Amino acid sequence: MKIVIVGGFGVGKTTLVGSVSEIRPLSTEETMTQAGVGIDDASQVAHKSTTTVAFDFGRITLNAQRVLYLFGAPGQERFWFLWDQLFSGSLGAVVLVDTRRLEDSFYPLDRLEHHRMPFVVAVNRFQDPGPGPGSGSQPSLERVREALSLDSHIPLVECDARSRESSKNVLITLVRHLVGLNDPAALQEAVQ
């Protein structure tokens, strides 16, 4: 089962894939160079020194018959052309959000809606002493839902992409959402 993780530049997609993968994740992280200056806005991710240039890949075995294949999409606009290929064959997606840059979530949401792909939204929150996700006051989930114009049926959760348990809960939320869309009765049984 293929799942795609999308979101803006530097939001934590590579970190999320790495935190839950049972294998060493395949990563296409490359060192950021002067070539990206003026193209990639790194002002909100000052400590970021690498960037995904194709995709990240991880795997989670659920049982003998079911395996989740995780694909983290690159966040920079110049790599968005890869997204349609990553979406092909996917069951659903996670949109990872940084509340300091909610506008970076508009394109991923638009693309998923265009593809009619089910998704959940995960707000990446973690406490960090310096600039980055988690610093300063953060809006409530209700305010994030309103700012992103999310329908009430789209799951919206908080996470810390560095935490295996937190990232796992995001994926569980997505799987439950997918099951509920396809068979609401099965979802009721699954959560009881």
Protein backbone atom coordinates (compact mmCIF):
# COMPACT_ATOMS: atom_id res chain seq x y z
CA MET A 1 0.00 0.00 0.00
CA LYS A 2 1.56 3.24 -1.18
CA ILE A 3 1.30 6.41 0.93
CA VAL A 4 2.72 9.81 -0.06
CA ILE A 5 3.85 12.47 2.40
CA VAL A 6 3.68 15.98 0.95
CA GLY A 7 4.12 19.50 2.26
CA GLY A 8 6.18 22.62 1.97
CA PHE A 9 9.94 22.95 1.89
CA GLY A 10 11.57 21.98 5.20
CA VAL A 11 8.37 20.92 6.96
CA GLY A 12 9.70 17.52 8.11
CA LYS A 13 8.72 14.99 5.43
CA THR A 14 12.13 13.30 5.35
CA THR A 15 12.14 13.23 9.15
CA LEU A 16 8.67 11.64 9.30
CA VAL A 17 9.60 8.89 6.81
CA GLY A 18 12.81 8.20 8.69
CA SER A 19 11.14 8.08 12.09
CA VAL A 20 8.70 5.29 11.19
CA SER A 21 10.48 3.25 8.52
CA GLU A 22 11.54 -0.26 9.56
CA ILE A 23 14.33 -0.14 6.99
CA ARG A 24 17.02 2.45 6.58
CA PRO A 25 15.14 4.99 4.46
CA LEU A 26 16.23 5.68 0.93
CA SER A 27 16.81 9.40 0.85
CA THR A 28 17.72 11.70 -1.99
CA GLU A 29 18.90 14.44 0.37
CA GLU A 30 21.57 16.66 -1.13
CA THR A 31 23.52 19.54 0.34
CA MET A 32 21.94 22.91 -0.33
CA THR A 33 24.22 25.06 -2.47
CA GLN A 34 24.39 28.61 -3.76
CA ALA A 35 22.48 27.40 -6.84
CA GLY A 36 19.31 27.33 -4.73
CA VAL A 37 19.70 30.87 -3.40
CA GLY A 38 16.84 32.98 -4.69
CA ILE A 39 14.96 29.84 -5.78
CA ASP A 40 14.34 28.04 -2.47
CA ASP A 41 13.18 30.20 0.43
CA ALA A 42 15.21 28.89 3.36
CA SER A 43 14.52 31.92 5.56
CA GLN A 44 12.11 29.98 7.81
CA VAL A 45 14.39 26.93 8.07
CA ALA A 46 17.68 28.61 8.90
CA HIS A 47 19.40 25.45 10.17
CA LYS A 48 18.50 23.36 7.11
CA SER A 49 21.57 22.31 5.13
CA THR A 50 20.16 19.52 2.95
CA THR A 51 17.09 19.12 0.77
CA THR A 52 15.19 16.29 -0.93
CA VAL A 53 15.70 16.37 -4.69
CA ALA A 54 13.56 13.39 -5.76
CA PHE A 55 11.83 11.52 -2.91
CA ASP A 56 12.34 9.66 0.33
CA PHE A 57 11.30 6.03 0.65
CA GLY A 58 10.51 3.95 3.72
CA ARG A 59 8.61 0.78 4.53
CA ILE A 60 6.44 -0.51 7.37
CA THR A 61 5.32 -4.15 7.42
CA LEU A 62 1.83 -4.41 8.93
CA ASN A 63 1.48 -8.19 8.53
CA ALA A 64 2.42 -10.96 6.07
CA GLN A 65 0.02 -9.58 3.45
CA ARG A 66 0.17 -5.82 4.03
CA VAL A 67 3.10 -3.44 3.74
CA LEU A 68 3.01 0.36 3.73
CA TYR A 69 5.40 1.97 1.28
CA LEU A 70 6.06 5.58 2.25
CA PHE A 71 7.14 8.17 -0.29
CA GLY A 72 8.18 11.62 0.93
CA ALA A 73 7.79 14.18 -1.85
CA PRO A 74 10.21 17.08 -2.34
CA GLY A 75 8.81 20.37 -1.08
CA GLN A 76 10.39 22.95 -3.36
CA GLU A 77 8.34 24.25 -6.27
CA ARG A 78 11.06 23.34 -8.76
CA PHE A 79 10.51 19.63 -7.95
CA TRP A 80 6.69 19.62 -7.96
CA PHE A 81 6.68 18.01 -11.42
CA LEU A 82 7.60 14.74 -9.64
CA TRP A 83 4.43 14.73 -7.54
CA ASP A 84 2.09 13.34 -10.21
CA GLN A 85 4.35 10.29 -10.59
CA LEU A 86 4.48 9.83 -6.82
CA PHE A 87 0.68 10.06 -6.61
CA SER A 88 0.25 7.29 -9.19
CA GLY A 89 -0.95 4.15 -7.41
CA SER A 90 -1.15 5.83 -4.00
CA LEU A 91 -4.00 5.02 -1.64
CA GLY A 92 -3.74 8.31 0.19
CA ALA A 93 -1.50 11.04 1.48
CA VAL A 94 -0.37 12.93 4.53
CA VAL A 95 -0.03 16.70 4.19
CA LEU A 96 2.58 17.82 6.70
CA VAL A 97 2.08 21.43 7.79
CA ASP A 98 4.27 24.06 9.45
CA THR A 99 2.00 26.68 11.06
CA ARG A 100 4.55 29.44 10.40
CA ARG A 101 4.10 28.86 6.67
CA LEU A 102 0.53 27.70 6.14
CA GLU A 103 0.55 29.13 2.61
CA ASP A 104 3.06 26.39 1.68
CA SER A 105 0.23 23.89 2.25
CA PHE A 106 -2.10 25.33 -0.39
CA TYR A 107 -0.41 23.69 -3.39
CA PRO A 108 -0.25 20.20 -1.82
CA LEU A 109 -3.91 20.43 -0.84
CA ASP A 110 -4.90 21.63 -4.31
CA ARG A 111 -2.95 18.81 -6.02
CA LEU A 112 -4.48 16.13 -3.80
CA GLU A 113 -7.99 17.48 -4.35
CA HIS A 114 -7.30 17.62 -8.11
CA HIS A 115 -6.27 13.94 -8.02
CA ARG A 116 -9.25 13.14 -5.75
CA MET A 117 -6.84 11.45 -3.38
CA PRO A 118 -7.89 10.99 0.23
CA PHE A 119 -5.60 12.69 2.73
CA VAL A 120 -5.10 13.74 6.31
CA VAL A 121 -3.37 16.87 7.52
CA ALA A 122 -0.70 16.65 10.23
CA VAL A 123 0.57 19.79 11.94
CA ASN A 124 4.24 19.20 12.74
CA ARG A 125 4.71 20.63 16.22
CA PHE A 126 7.79 20.17 18.33
CA GLN A 127 9.52 22.34 20.84
CA ASP A 128 12.76 23.76 19.56
CA PRO A 129 14.73 26.57 21.19
CA GLY A 130 15.68 28.20 17.89
CA PRO A 131 13.75 29.26 14.81
CA GLY A 132 11.68 26.45 13.40
CA PRO A 133 8.50 24.48 13.96
CA GLY A 134 7.44 24.70 17.56
CA SER A 135 9.01 28.03 18.43
CA GLY A 136 6.67 30.77 19.56
CA SER A 137 2.92 30.47 20.06
CA GLN A 138 1.07 28.16 17.74
CA PRO A 139 -2.50 28.33 16.47
CA SER A 140 -5.05 25.76 17.58
CA LEU A 141 -6.09 22.96 15.25
CA GLU A 142 -9.42 24.73 14.76
CA ARG A 143 -7.63 27.86 13.52
CA VAL A 144 -5.42 25.74 11.22
CA ARG A 145 -8.53 24.02 9.81
CA GLU A 146 -10.11 27.41 9.17
CA ALA A 147 -6.95 28.90 7.61
CA LEU A 148 -6.59 25.93 5.25
CA SER A 149 -10.35 25.80 4.49
CA LEU A 150 -10.42 22.09 5.36
CA ASP A 151 -13.75 20.31 5.27
CA SER A 152 -14.81 18.88 8.61
CA HIS A 153 -14.49 15.28 7.35
CA ILE A 154 -10.74 15.65 6.69
CA PRO A 155 -8.75 14.45 9.72
CA LEU A 156 -6.44 17.07 11.23
CA VAL A 157 -3.92 15.96 13.85
CA GLU A 158 -0.81 17.22 15.61
CA CYS A 159 2.48 15.37 15.42
CA ASP A 160 6.18 15.54 16.07
CA ALA A 161 7.78 14.12 12.91
CA ARG A 162 10.88 13.16 14.92
CA SER A 163 8.87 10.78 17.10
CA ARG A 164 8.18 7.25 15.86
CA GLU A 165 4.99 7.00 17.95
CA SER A 166 3.70 10.38 16.85
CA SER A 167 4.43 9.70 13.17
CA LYS A 168 2.90 6.24 13.48
CA ASN A 169 -0.29 7.82 14.86
CA VAL A 170 -0.49 10.07 11.79
CA LEU A 171 -0.33 7.00 9.53
CA ILE A 172 -2.92 5.18 11.65
CA THR A 173 -5.19 8.22 11.27
CA LEU A 174 -4.75 8.05 7.49
CA VAL A 175 -5.45 4.32 7.33
CA ARG A 176 -8.57 4.72 9.49
CA HIS A 177 -9.69 7.57 7.23
CA LEU A 178 -9.18 5.39 4.14
CA VAL A 179 -11.07 2.49 5.68
CA GLY A 180 -13.88 4.81 6.76
CA LEU A 181 -14.21 6.26 3.25
CA ASN A 182 -14.44 2.81 1.71
CA ASP A 183 -16.44 1.00 4.38
CA PRO A 184 -17.85 3.06 7.26
CA ALA A 185 -19.11 -0.12 8.99
CA ALA A 186 -15.61 -1.64 8.93
CA LEU A 187 -14.24 1.52 10.51
CA GLN A 188 -16.70 1.22 13.38
CA GLU A 189 -15.52 -2.37 13.99
CA ALA A 190 -11.85 -1.38 13.73
CA VAL A 191 -12.07 1.32 16.38
CA GLN A 192 -14.12 -0.72 18.88
